[in-house]
Amino acid sequence: MIIRRFKEEDSVELAEVIAKTLRTTNIKDYSTEYIENDISFLTAEKPIKCSTWTN
């Protein structure tokens, strides 16, 4: 496994991984509608924006 820092070109794939994870892990606690609503705000730009203030 190779671990490296986030690069902006990773943003589309990262958004897809986050969406898949939300659908998989949160389905027992939240409705599909609720999860899909959250995912609708998850664009490729969101990880880029978050990367400016998170580690």
Protein backbone atom coordinates (compact mmCIF):
# COMPACT_ATOMS: atom_id res chain seq x y z
CA MET A 1 0.00 0.00 0.00
CA ILE A 2 1.25 3.45 -0.89
CA ILE A 3 0.00 6.34 1.22
CA ARG A 4 0.38 9.88 -0.04
CA ARG A 5 -1.18 13.27 0.38
CA PHE A 6 -4.40 14.20 -1.42
CA LYS A 7 -4.01 15.69 -4.89
CA GLU A 8 -6.71 17.73 -6.61
CA GLU A 9 -6.92 15.20 -9.45
CA ASP A 10 -8.11 12.64 -6.84
CA SER A 11 -11.27 14.62 -6.08
CA VAL A 12 -13.69 12.82 -8.43
CA GLU A 13 -12.65 9.36 -7.27
CA LEU A 14 -12.61 10.45 -3.63
CA ALA A 15 -16.15 11.82 -3.90
CA GLU A 16 -17.26 8.46 -5.36
CA VAL A 17 -15.58 6.54 -2.52
CA ILE A 18 -17.22 8.77 0.09
CA ALA A 19 -20.64 8.32 -1.54
CA LYS A 20 -20.22 4.53 -1.66
CA THR A 21 -19.12 4.47 1.97
CA LEU A 22 -22.08 6.58 3.10
CA ARG A 23 -24.48 4.29 1.26
CA THR A 24 -22.88 1.18 2.75
CA THR A 25 -22.22 2.14 6.34
CA ASN A 26 -25.12 4.47 7.10
CA ILE A 27 -27.99 2.49 5.58
CA LYS A 28 -28.87 0.90 8.94
CA ASP A 29 -29.20 4.26 10.67
CA TYR A 30 -30.57 6.58 7.97
CA SER A 31 -33.10 6.34 5.17
CA THR A 32 -31.97 6.09 1.58
CA GLU A 33 -33.58 9.47 0.93
CA TYR A 34 -31.55 11.09 3.72
CA ILE A 35 -28.27 9.57 2.51
CA GLU A 36 -28.92 10.48 -1.12
CA ASN A 37 -29.74 14.04 -0.08
CA ASP A 38 -26.35 14.32 1.64
CA ILE A 39 -24.60 12.79 -1.34
CA SER A 40 -26.28 15.28 -3.69
CA PHE A 41 -24.16 18.02 -2.12
CA LEU A 42 -20.95 16.00 -2.56
CA THR A 43 -19.33 17.28 -5.72
CA ALA A 44 -15.74 16.84 -6.86
CA GLU A 45 -15.04 20.37 -5.63
CA LYS A 46 -16.02 19.50 -2.04
CA PRO A 47 -12.92 17.37 -1.26
CA ILE A 48 -10.72 20.08 -2.78
CA LYS A 49 -12.31 22.73 -0.60
CA CYS A 50 -12.06 20.55 2.52
CA SER A 51 -8.43 19.76 1.81
CA THR A 52 -7.53 23.38 2.44
CA TRP A 53 -8.49 23.14 6.12
CA THR A 54 -8.21 19.43 7.04
CA ASN A 55 -5.30 17.05 7.40
